Amino acid sequence: MEKDNVREYEALFILDVIGKDYGPSAIIERVAADLKKLGATVKDMQKMEKRPFARVTNKRRPSGYYVAFRLSGPPDLPEKIRRRYVLDEDVYRVMITRPPKKKAAEKAEEGAPAAV
């Protein structure tokens, strides 16, 4: 993968763990492995626990287990991820976004030494 073609992404997965024999950890491990197979580099993962939905569309599924990933990969990565999980019964929803671009002032502050 060329450095020019690498883009940063944030992916939010809502997992369906209701009525499963296995817990969310098994699904998270499988999702992380699948992301690597699709060409993504997983930089960070944040488990956000089970949360109730603001609007319940299915009474049998009133909540979901949220997991956020910070990824980098090729420009076609979001489409590959969507295609992979559209029919997956363990993944209820996937939302992929590009993180906001940092302003020049913020970049300079990160690289500057700390003031004493």
N, C-alpha and C. Protein backbone atom coordinates (compact mmCIF):
# COMPACT_ATOMS: atom_id res chain seq x y z
N MET A 1 0.84 -1.17 0.00
CA MET A 1 0.00 0.00 0.00
C MET A 1 0.89 1.24 0.00
N GLU A 2 0.63 2.14 -0.92
CA GLU A 2 1.40 3.37 -1.01
C GLU A 2 0.97 4.33 0.08
N LYS A 3 1.91 5.15 0.53
CA LYS A 3 1.62 6.11 1.59
C LYS A 3 0.60 7.14 1.12
N ASP A 4 0.60 7.50 -0.18
CA ASP A 4 -0.33 8.50 -0.72
C ASP A 4 -1.77 8.01 -0.68
N ASN A 5 -1.96 6.72 -0.83
CA ASN A 5 -3.32 6.16 -0.89
C ASN A 5 -3.88 5.77 0.46
N VAL A 6 -3.14 5.94 1.52
CA VAL A 6 -3.62 5.57 2.84
C VAL A 6 -4.47 6.70 3.40
N ARG A 7 -5.66 6.35 3.85
CA ARG A 7 -6.57 7.32 4.45
C ARG A 7 -6.96 6.87 5.84
N GLU A 8 -7.32 7.83 6.65
CA GLU A 8 -7.76 7.55 8.02
C GLU A 8 -9.28 7.42 8.03
N TYR A 9 -9.79 6.50 8.85
CA TYR A 9 -11.23 6.28 8.98
C TYR A 9 -11.58 6.02 10.44
N GLU A 10 -12.82 6.30 10.77
CA GLU A 10 -13.39 5.91 12.06
C GLU A 10 -14.61 5.06 11.74
N ALA A 11 -14.66 3.87 12.32
CA ALA A 11 -15.77 2.95 12.05
C ALA A 11 -16.46 2.62 13.37
N LEU A 12 -17.78 2.78 13.38
CA LEU A 12 -18.59 2.44 14.54
C LEU A 12 -19.42 1.22 14.19
N PHE A 13 -19.26 0.16 14.95
CA PHE A 13 -20.02 -1.07 14.75
C PHE A 13 -21.01 -1.21 15.89
N ILE A 14 -22.25 -1.54 15.56
CA ILE A 14 -23.24 -1.89 16.57
C ILE A 14 -23.47 -3.40 16.43
N LEU A 15 -23.13 -4.12 17.47
CA LEU A 15 -23.19 -5.58 17.44
C LEU A 15 -24.49 -6.07 18.05
N ASP A 16 -25.01 -7.13 17.48
CA ASP A 16 -26.23 -7.76 17.98
C ASP A 16 -25.80 -8.97 18.80
N VAL A 17 -25.85 -8.85 20.12
CA VAL A 17 -25.43 -9.95 20.99
C VAL A 17 -26.60 -10.60 21.71
N ILE A 18 -27.81 -10.16 21.43
CA ILE A 18 -28.99 -10.69 22.10
C ILE A 18 -29.28 -12.11 21.60
N GLY A 19 -29.37 -13.03 22.54
CA GLY A 19 -29.70 -14.41 22.22
C GLY A 19 -28.56 -15.21 21.60
N LYS A 20 -27.35 -14.73 21.70
CA LYS A 20 -26.19 -15.45 21.14
C LYS A 20 -25.55 -16.30 22.23
N ASP A 21 -24.97 -17.43 21.83
CA ASP A 21 -24.27 -18.31 22.77
C ASP A 21 -22.89 -17.76 23.13
N TYR A 22 -22.38 -16.87 22.32
CA TYR A 22 -21.05 -16.30 22.52
C TYR A 22 -21.20 -14.81 22.83
N GLY A 23 -20.22 -14.27 23.50
CA GLY A 23 -20.28 -12.87 23.93
C GLY A 23 -19.74 -11.91 22.89
N PRO A 24 -19.76 -10.63 23.22
CA PRO A 24 -19.29 -9.61 22.29
C PRO A 24 -17.80 -9.70 22.00
N SER A 25 -17.01 -10.23 22.93
CA SER A 25 -15.56 -10.34 22.72
C SER A 25 -15.23 -11.20 21.51
N ALA A 26 -15.95 -12.28 21.32
CA ALA A 26 -15.72 -13.16 20.17
C ALA A 26 -16.04 -12.44 18.87
N ILE A 27 -17.12 -11.66 18.87
CA ILE A 27 -17.50 -10.92 17.66
C ILE A 27 -16.48 -9.82 17.37
N ILE A 28 -16.03 -9.13 18.41
CA ILE A 28 -15.05 -8.05 18.24
C ILE A 28 -13.75 -8.60 17.66
N GLU A 29 -13.28 -9.73 18.17
CA GLU A 29 -12.06 -10.35 17.65
C GLU A 29 -12.22 -10.72 16.18
N ARG A 30 -13.39 -11.27 15.83
CA ARG A 30 -13.63 -11.65 14.43
C ARG A 30 -13.67 -10.42 13.53
N VAL A 31 -14.33 -9.35 14.00
CA VAL A 31 -14.42 -8.12 13.21
C VAL A 31 -13.03 -7.53 13.00
N ALA A 32 -12.20 -7.49 14.05
CA ALA A 32 -10.84 -6.95 13.93
C ALA A 32 -10.02 -7.77 12.93
N ALA A 33 -10.15 -9.09 12.97
CA ALA A 33 -9.43 -9.94 12.02
C ALA A 33 -9.93 -9.72 10.59
N ASP A 34 -11.25 -9.57 10.43
CA ASP A 34 -11.81 -9.31 9.11
C ASP A 34 -11.34 -7.97 8.55
N LEU A 35 -11.25 -6.96 9.40
CA LEU A 35 -10.79 -5.65 8.95
C LEU A 35 -9.36 -5.73 8.42
N LYS A 36 -8.52 -6.50 9.10
CA LYS A 36 -7.14 -6.67 8.64
C LYS A 36 -7.10 -7.39 7.30
N LYS A 37 -7.99 -8.40 7.12
CA LYS A 37 -8.05 -9.12 5.85
C LYS A 37 -8.48 -8.21 4.70
N LEU A 38 -9.31 -7.21 5.02
CA LEU A 38 -9.80 -6.28 4.00
C LEU A 38 -8.77 -5.20 3.66
N GLY A 39 -7.64 -5.18 4.35
CA GLY A 39 -6.59 -4.22 4.05
C GLY A 39 -6.50 -3.06 5.01
N ALA A 40 -7.20 -3.13 6.12
CA ALA A 40 -7.18 -2.04 7.10
C ALA A 40 -6.08 -2.28 8.13
N THR A 41 -5.57 -1.19 8.65
CA THR A 41 -4.67 -1.23 9.79
C THR A 41 -5.44 -0.67 10.97
N VAL A 42 -5.69 -1.51 11.97
CA VAL A 42 -6.45 -1.08 13.14
C VAL A 42 -5.49 -0.34 14.07
N LYS A 43 -5.75 0.96 14.27
CA LYS A 43 -4.89 1.78 15.12
C LYS A 43 -5.37 1.81 16.56
N ASP A 44 -6.68 1.75 16.74
CA ASP A 44 -7.24 1.84 18.08
C ASP A 44 -8.63 1.24 18.07
N MET A 45 -9.03 0.69 19.22
CA MET A 45 -10.37 0.14 19.36
C MET A 45 -10.91 0.56 20.71
N GLN A 46 -12.17 0.97 20.74
CA GLN A 46 -12.79 1.39 21.98
C GLN A 46 -14.12 0.66 22.14
N LYS A 47 -14.20 -0.15 23.20
CA LYS A 47 -15.45 -0.83 23.51
C LYS A 47 -16.33 0.16 24.28
N MET A 48 -17.53 0.38 23.77
CA MET A 48 -18.40 1.39 24.36
C MET A 48 -19.58 0.77 25.12
N GLU A 49 -19.52 -0.54 25.30
CA GLU A 49 -20.52 -1.28 26.07
C GLU A 49 -21.90 -1.30 25.39
N LYS A 50 -22.83 -1.93 26.07
CA LYS A 50 -24.20 -2.08 25.54
C LYS A 50 -24.99 -0.82 25.87
N ARG A 51 -25.70 -0.31 24.86
CA ARG A 51 -26.50 0.90 25.03
C ARG A 51 -27.88 0.70 24.42
N PRO A 52 -28.89 1.29 25.04
CA PRO A 52 -30.23 1.19 24.44
C PRO A 52 -30.35 2.12 23.23
N PHE A 53 -31.13 1.72 22.25
CA PHE A 53 -31.34 2.55 21.08
C PHE A 53 -32.30 3.68 21.42
N ALA A 54 -32.07 4.85 20.84
CA ALA A 54 -32.96 5.99 21.06
C ALA A 54 -34.32 5.72 20.42
N ARG A 55 -34.29 5.09 19.26
CA ARG A 55 -35.52 4.71 18.57
C ARG A 55 -35.47 3.23 18.26
N VAL A 56 -36.33 2.50 18.89
CA VAL A 56 -36.35 1.04 18.73
C VAL A 56 -37.15 0.72 17.48
N THR A 57 -36.50 0.08 16.50
CA THR A 57 -37.18 -0.32 15.27
C THR A 57 -37.67 -1.76 15.34
N ASN A 58 -37.11 -2.54 16.26
CA ASN A 58 -37.48 -3.93 16.42
C ASN A 58 -37.56 -4.21 17.92
N LYS A 59 -38.73 -4.61 18.42
CA LYS A 59 -38.91 -4.82 19.85
C LYS A 59 -38.00 -5.92 20.39
N ARG A 60 -37.60 -6.83 19.55
CA ARG A 60 -36.71 -7.91 19.98
C ARG A 60 -35.26 -7.44 20.08
N ARG A 61 -34.99 -6.26 19.56
CA ARG A 61 -33.63 -5.73 19.55
C ARG A 61 -33.65 -4.29 20.08
N PRO A 62 -33.82 -4.10 21.40
CA PRO A 62 -33.93 -2.75 21.95
C PRO A 62 -32.58 -2.08 22.22
N SER A 63 -31.48 -2.84 22.10
CA SER A 63 -30.17 -2.27 22.40
C SER A 63 -29.10 -2.97 21.57
N GLY A 64 -27.89 -2.41 21.60
CA GLY A 64 -26.78 -2.99 20.86
C GLY A 64 -25.48 -2.73 21.59
N TYR A 65 -24.46 -3.50 21.26
CA TYR A 65 -23.13 -3.36 21.85
C TYR A 65 -22.29 -2.54 20.88
N TYR A 66 -21.84 -1.36 21.31
CA TYR A 66 -21.13 -0.43 20.44
C TYR A 66 -19.62 -0.62 20.55
N VAL A 67 -18.94 -0.62 19.39
CA VAL A 67 -17.49 -0.71 19.34
C VAL A 67 -17.00 0.26 18.26
N ALA A 68 -16.01 1.10 18.62
CA ALA A 68 -15.46 2.07 17.68
C ALA A 68 -14.03 1.66 17.33
N PHE A 69 -13.70 1.75 16.04
CA PHE A 69 -12.36 1.45 15.55
C PHE A 69 -11.80 2.68 14.86
N ARG A 70 -10.51 2.95 15.06
CA ARG A 70 -9.78 3.93 14.24
C ARG A 70 -8.93 3.11 13.29
N LEU A 71 -9.10 3.38 11.99
CA LEU A 71 -8.46 2.57 10.95
C LEU A 71 -7.70 3.44 9.97
N SER A 72 -6.81 2.81 9.25
CA SER A 72 -6.23 3.43 8.06
C SER A 72 -6.22 2.36 6.98
N GLY A 73 -6.37 2.82 5.74
CA GLY A 73 -6.41 1.87 4.65
C GLY A 73 -6.62 2.56 3.32
N PRO A 74 -6.82 1.78 2.27
CA PRO A 74 -7.00 2.34 0.92
C PRO A 74 -8.33 3.09 0.79
N PRO A 75 -8.46 3.90 -0.25
CA PRO A 75 -9.70 4.67 -0.44
C PRO A 75 -10.96 3.83 -0.59
N ASP A 76 -10.85 2.60 -1.07
CA ASP A 76 -12.05 1.76 -1.25
C ASP A 76 -12.39 0.94 -0.01
N LEU A 77 -11.70 1.15 1.09
CA LEU A 77 -11.93 0.39 2.31
C LEU A 77 -13.36 0.52 2.85
N PRO A 78 -13.95 1.72 2.92
CA PRO A 78 -15.33 1.81 3.44
C PRO A 78 -16.33 0.95 2.66
N GLU A 79 -16.20 0.93 1.36
CA GLU A 79 -17.12 0.12 0.55
C GLU A 79 -16.91 -1.37 0.80
N LYS A 80 -15.64 -1.78 0.95
CA LYS A 80 -15.35 -3.19 1.25
C LYS A 80 -15.96 -3.59 2.59
N ILE A 81 -15.85 -2.71 3.58
CA ILE A 81 -16.40 -3.01 4.91
C ILE A 81 -17.91 -3.11 4.85
N ARG A 82 -18.55 -2.17 4.16
CA ARG A 82 -20.02 -2.21 4.05
C ARG A 82 -20.49 -3.49 3.37
N ARG A 83 -19.82 -3.86 2.28
CA ARG A 83 -20.20 -5.09 1.58
C ARG A 83 -20.01 -6.32 2.45
N ARG A 84 -18.95 -6.33 3.24
CA ARG A 84 -18.65 -7.49 4.08
C ARG A 84 -19.71 -7.68 5.17
N TYR A 85 -20.23 -6.60 5.73
CA TYR A 85 -21.11 -6.72 6.89
C TYR A 85 -22.59 -6.49 6.61
N VAL A 86 -22.97 -6.33 5.36
CA VAL A 86 -24.38 -6.08 5.05
C VAL A 86 -25.27 -7.25 5.43
N LEU A 87 -24.79 -8.46 5.34
CA LEU A 87 -25.60 -9.65 5.66
C LEU A 87 -25.12 -10.39 6.91
N ASP A 88 -24.22 -9.80 7.66
CA ASP A 88 -23.69 -10.44 8.87
C ASP A 88 -24.72 -10.30 9.99
N GLU A 89 -25.14 -11.41 10.56
CA GLU A 89 -26.16 -11.40 11.61
C GLU A 89 -25.65 -10.86 12.93
N ASP A 90 -24.34 -10.89 13.15
CA ASP A 90 -23.78 -10.40 14.40
C ASP A 90 -23.58 -8.89 14.41
N VAL A 91 -23.51 -8.28 13.23
CA VAL A 91 -23.30 -6.83 13.12
C VAL A 91 -24.61 -6.19 12.69
N TYR A 92 -25.18 -5.40 13.60
CA TYR A 92 -26.48 -4.76 13.34
C TYR A 92 -26.32 -3.55 12.41
N ARG A 93 -25.34 -2.69 12.68
CA ARG A 93 -25.10 -1.50 11.86
C ARG A 93 -23.61 -1.21 11.81
N VAL A 94 -23.19 -0.54 10.72
CA VAL A 94 -21.82 -0.06 10.58
C VAL A 94 -21.88 1.37 10.05
N MET A 95 -21.13 2.26 10.68
CA MET A 95 -21.02 3.64 10.20
C MET A 95 -19.54 3.98 10.07
N ILE A 96 -19.13 4.39 8.88
CA ILE A 96 -17.73 4.70 8.62
C ILE A 96 -17.63 6.17 8.23
N THR A 97 -16.73 6.88 8.90
CA THR A 97 -16.52 8.30 8.61
C THR A 97 -15.04 8.59 8.51
N ARG A 98 -14.72 9.73 7.93
CA ARG A 98 -13.35 10.23 7.93
C ARG A 98 -13.22 11.20 9.10
N PRO A 99 -12.16 11.10 9.89
CA PRO A 99 -12.00 12.03 11.02
C PRO A 99 -11.81 13.45 10.50
N PRO A 100 -12.19 14.44 11.29
CA PRO A 100 -12.02 15.83 10.84
C PRO A 100 -10.54 16.15 10.66
N LYS A 101 -10.26 16.96 9.65
CA LYS A 101 -8.87 17.36 9.39
C LYS A 101 -8.41 18.32 10.47
N LYS A 102 -7.17 18.16 10.88
CA LYS A 102 -6.61 19.04 11.89
C LYS A 102 -6.17 20.34 11.25
N LYS A 103 -6.38 21.42 11.96
CA LYS A 103 -5.95 22.72 11.47
C LYS A 103 -4.45 22.86 11.66
N ALA A 104 -3.84 23.77 10.92
CA ALA A 104 -2.40 23.97 10.99
C ALA A 104 -1.95 24.33 12.41
N ALA A 105 -2.75 25.12 13.12
CA ALA A 105 -2.39 25.52 14.48
C ALA A 105 -2.37 24.31 15.42
N GLU A 106 -3.32 23.39 15.26
CA GLU A 106 -3.36 22.19 16.10
C GLU A 106 -2.16 21.29 15.81
N LYS A 107 -1.79 21.16 14.54
CA LYS A 107 -0.65 20.35 14.18
C LYS A 107 0.64 20.93 14.77
N ALA A 108 0.75 22.26 14.73
CA ALA A 108 1.94 22.91 15.28
C ALA A 108 2.04 22.70 16.78
N GLU A 109 0.89 22.74 17.48
CA GLU A 109 0.89 22.54 18.93
C GLU A 109 1.31 21.12 19.29
N GLU A 110 0.90 20.14 18.49
CA GLU A 110 1.26 18.76 18.76
C GLU A 110 2.76 18.54 18.62
N GLY A 111 3.35 19.16 17.62
CA GLY A 111 4.77 18.98 17.36
C GLY A 111 5.66 19.86 18.22
N ALA A 112 5.12 20.89 18.82
CA ALA A 112 5.91 21.83 19.62
C ALA A 112 6.23 21.21 20.97
N PRO A 113 7.42 21.55 21.50
CA PRO A 113 7.76 21.06 22.84
C PRO A 113 6.86 21.71 23.90
N ALA A 114 6.68 21.00 24.99
CA ALA A 114 5.81 21.50 26.06
C ALA A 114 6.42 22.73 26.72
N ALA A 115 5.57 23.70 27.03
CA ALA A 115 6.04 24.92 27.69
C ALA A 115 6.33 24.62 29.15
N VAL A 116 7.39 25.22 29.65
CA VAL A 116 7.79 24.97 31.04
C VAL A 116 7.45 26.18 31.89
